[in-house]
Amino acid sequence: MTEPSGYELNAWRDVELFKGRPISWSMHYAGEQVISGAANLSERAAQYLDDRPGARAVG
């Protein structure tokens, strides 16, 4: 296999250093927070229902 050219090495370095756009990171972080919040809410709701057996009978 041949050695990569200087252009190819520079391009590969740029790809490895690319961290994404700020808006992409913000949206990713916001999505992670929504997922975390939903999981926490689900755990709290399950605990609430476990502590109150009569609450499941309603509805």
N, C-alpha and C. Protein backbone atom coordinates (compact mmCIF):
# COMPACT_ATOMS: atom_id res chain seq x y z
N MET A 1 0.85 -1.17 0.00
CA MET A 1 0.00 0.00 0.00
C MET A 1 0.90 1.24 0.00
N THR A 2 0.49 2.25 -0.72
CA THR A 2 1.30 3.47 -0.83
C THR A 2 1.10 4.36 0.39
N GLU A 3 2.04 5.22 0.61
CA GLU A 3 1.95 6.18 1.72
C GLU A 3 0.95 7.28 1.35
N PRO A 4 0.16 7.75 2.33
CA PRO A 4 -0.78 8.83 2.02
C PRO A 4 -0.04 10.13 1.71
N SER A 5 -0.64 10.92 0.85
CA SER A 5 -0.03 12.20 0.48
C SER A 5 -0.21 13.20 1.62
N GLY A 6 0.48 14.31 1.51
CA GLY A 6 0.34 15.38 2.50
C GLY A 6 -1.08 15.89 2.57
N TYR A 7 -1.71 15.99 1.40
CA TYR A 7 -3.12 16.42 1.34
C TYR A 7 -4.02 15.45 2.11
N GLU A 8 -3.80 14.16 1.89
CA GLU A 8 -4.62 13.15 2.56
C GLU A 8 -4.39 13.15 4.07
N LEU A 9 -3.15 13.33 4.48
CA LEU A 9 -2.85 13.39 5.91
C LEU A 9 -3.51 14.61 6.55
N ASN A 10 -3.45 15.75 5.88
CA ASN A 10 -4.10 16.96 6.40
C ASN A 10 -5.61 16.79 6.46
N ALA A 11 -6.18 16.19 5.44
CA ALA A 11 -7.63 15.98 5.42
C ALA A 11 -8.04 15.04 6.56
N TRP A 12 -7.27 13.98 6.76
CA TRP A 12 -7.59 13.03 7.84
C TRP A 12 -7.48 13.70 9.20
N ARG A 13 -6.45 14.53 9.39
CA ARG A 13 -6.29 15.26 10.64
C ARG A 13 -7.49 16.18 10.88
N ASP A 14 -7.93 16.87 9.83
CA ASP A 14 -9.09 17.76 9.96
C ASP A 14 -10.35 16.98 10.33
N VAL A 15 -10.52 15.81 9.75
CA VAL A 15 -11.68 14.97 10.09
C VAL A 15 -11.62 14.57 11.56
N GLU A 16 -10.46 14.16 12.04
CA GLU A 16 -10.33 13.73 13.43
C GLU A 16 -10.52 14.88 14.40
N LEU A 17 -10.14 16.09 14.03
CA LEU A 17 -10.25 17.24 14.92
C LEU A 17 -11.63 17.88 14.91
N PHE A 18 -12.45 17.56 13.91
CA PHE A 18 -13.77 18.18 13.79
C PHE A 18 -14.64 17.77 14.97
N LYS A 19 -15.16 18.75 15.66
CA LYS A 19 -15.97 18.50 16.86
C LYS A 19 -17.46 18.70 16.61
N GLY A 20 -17.85 19.03 15.41
CA GLY A 20 -19.25 19.27 15.12
C GLY A 20 -19.59 20.74 15.28
N ARG A 21 -20.73 21.08 14.82
CA ARG A 21 -21.19 22.47 14.91
C ARG A 21 -21.75 22.72 16.30
N PRO A 22 -21.63 23.95 16.80
CA PRO A 22 -22.16 24.26 18.15
C PRO A 22 -23.65 23.94 18.29
N ILE A 23 -24.44 24.21 17.25
CA ILE A 23 -25.87 23.92 17.36
C ILE A 23 -26.11 22.42 17.47
N SER A 24 -25.28 21.63 16.79
CA SER A 24 -25.42 20.18 16.88
C SER A 24 -25.14 19.71 18.30
N TRP A 25 -24.09 20.26 18.91
CA TRP A 25 -23.78 19.87 20.28
C TRP A 25 -24.87 20.31 21.23
N SER A 26 -25.41 21.52 21.01
CA SER A 26 -26.50 22.01 21.87
C SER A 26 -27.72 21.13 21.77
N MET A 27 -28.07 20.74 20.55
CA MET A 27 -29.24 19.88 20.37
C MET A 27 -29.00 18.50 20.98
N HIS A 28 -27.79 17.99 20.83
CA HIS A 28 -27.46 16.70 21.43
C HIS A 28 -27.58 16.78 22.96
N TYR A 29 -27.04 17.83 23.55
CA TYR A 29 -27.10 18.00 25.00
C TYR A 29 -28.55 18.14 25.46
N ALA A 30 -29.33 18.92 24.73
CA ALA A 30 -30.74 19.10 25.09
C ALA A 30 -31.48 17.76 25.02
N GLY A 31 -31.20 16.99 23.99
CA GLY A 31 -31.84 15.67 23.86
C GLY A 31 -31.47 14.75 25.00
N GLU A 32 -30.20 14.78 25.41
CA GLU A 32 -29.77 13.96 26.54
C GLU A 32 -30.48 14.38 27.82
N GLN A 33 -30.69 15.69 28.00
CA GLN A 33 -31.39 16.17 29.19
C GLN A 33 -32.85 15.73 29.19
N VAL A 34 -33.49 15.75 28.04
CA VAL A 34 -34.88 15.30 27.94
C VAL A 34 -34.98 13.82 28.28
N ILE A 35 -34.07 13.02 27.74
CA ILE A 35 -34.06 11.58 28.01
C ILE A 35 -33.85 11.33 29.50
N SER A 36 -32.89 12.03 30.08
CA SER A 36 -32.60 11.86 31.51
C SER A 36 -33.81 12.26 32.36
N GLY A 37 -34.43 13.37 32.01
CA GLY A 37 -35.60 13.83 32.75
C GLY A 37 -36.76 12.86 32.64
N ALA A 38 -36.98 12.32 31.45
CA ALA A 38 -38.07 11.36 31.25
C ALA A 38 -37.82 10.08 32.05
N ALA A 39 -36.58 9.63 32.08
CA ALA A 39 -36.25 8.42 32.85
C ALA A 39 -36.47 8.68 34.34
N ASN A 40 -36.05 9.85 34.80
CA ASN A 40 -36.24 10.20 36.21
C ASN A 40 -37.73 10.29 36.55
N LEU A 41 -38.51 10.90 35.68
CA LEU A 41 -39.95 11.00 35.89
C LEU A 41 -40.58 9.62 35.95
N SER A 42 -40.16 8.73 35.06
CA SER A 42 -40.69 7.38 35.03
C SER A 42 -40.39 6.63 36.34
N GLU A 43 -39.17 6.78 36.81
CA GLU A 43 -38.79 6.14 38.08
C GLU A 43 -39.61 6.69 39.24
N ARG A 44 -39.79 8.01 39.26
CA ARG A 44 -40.56 8.62 40.34
C ARG A 44 -42.02 8.20 40.28
N ALA A 45 -42.59 8.10 39.07
CA ALA A 45 -43.99 7.68 38.93
C ALA A 45 -44.15 6.24 39.39
N ALA A 46 -43.21 5.38 39.03
CA ALA A 46 -43.28 3.98 39.45
C ALA A 46 -43.19 3.88 40.97
N GLN A 47 -42.31 4.65 41.58
CA GLN A 47 -42.18 4.64 43.04
C GLN A 47 -43.46 5.15 43.69
N TYR A 48 -44.05 6.19 43.13
CA TYR A 48 -45.29 6.75 43.66
C TYR A 48 -46.40 5.70 43.64
N LEU A 49 -46.52 5.00 42.51
CA LEU A 49 -47.56 3.99 42.41
C LEU A 49 -47.29 2.79 43.31
N ASP A 50 -46.03 2.43 43.48
CA ASP A 50 -45.70 1.34 44.38
C ASP A 50 -46.03 1.68 45.82
N ASP A 51 -45.85 2.95 46.17
CA ASP A 51 -46.14 3.38 47.54
C ASP A 51 -47.63 3.56 47.80
N ARG A 52 -48.44 3.66 46.76
CA ARG A 52 -49.87 3.90 46.91
C ARG A 52 -50.64 2.88 46.07
N PRO A 53 -50.90 1.70 46.63
CA PRO A 53 -51.59 0.65 45.86
C PRO A 53 -52.97 1.09 45.38
N GLY A 54 -53.65 1.94 46.11
CA GLY A 54 -54.99 2.39 45.70
C GLY A 54 -54.95 3.27 44.46
N ALA A 55 -53.81 3.88 44.17
CA ALA A 55 -53.72 4.76 43.00
C ALA A 55 -53.84 3.97 41.71
N ARG A 56 -53.45 2.71 41.70
CA ARG A 56 -53.54 1.90 40.49
C ARG A 56 -54.99 1.51 40.20
N ALA A 57 -55.83 1.45 41.23
CA ALA A 57 -57.20 1.02 41.06
C ALA A 57 -58.05 2.11 40.40
N VAL A 58 -57.60 3.35 40.44
CA VAL A 58 -58.38 4.45 39.86
C VAL A 58 -58.26 4.39 38.35
N GLY A 59 -59.37 4.55 37.66
CA GLY A 59 -59.33 4.65 36.21
C GLY A 59 -59.72 3.44 35.58
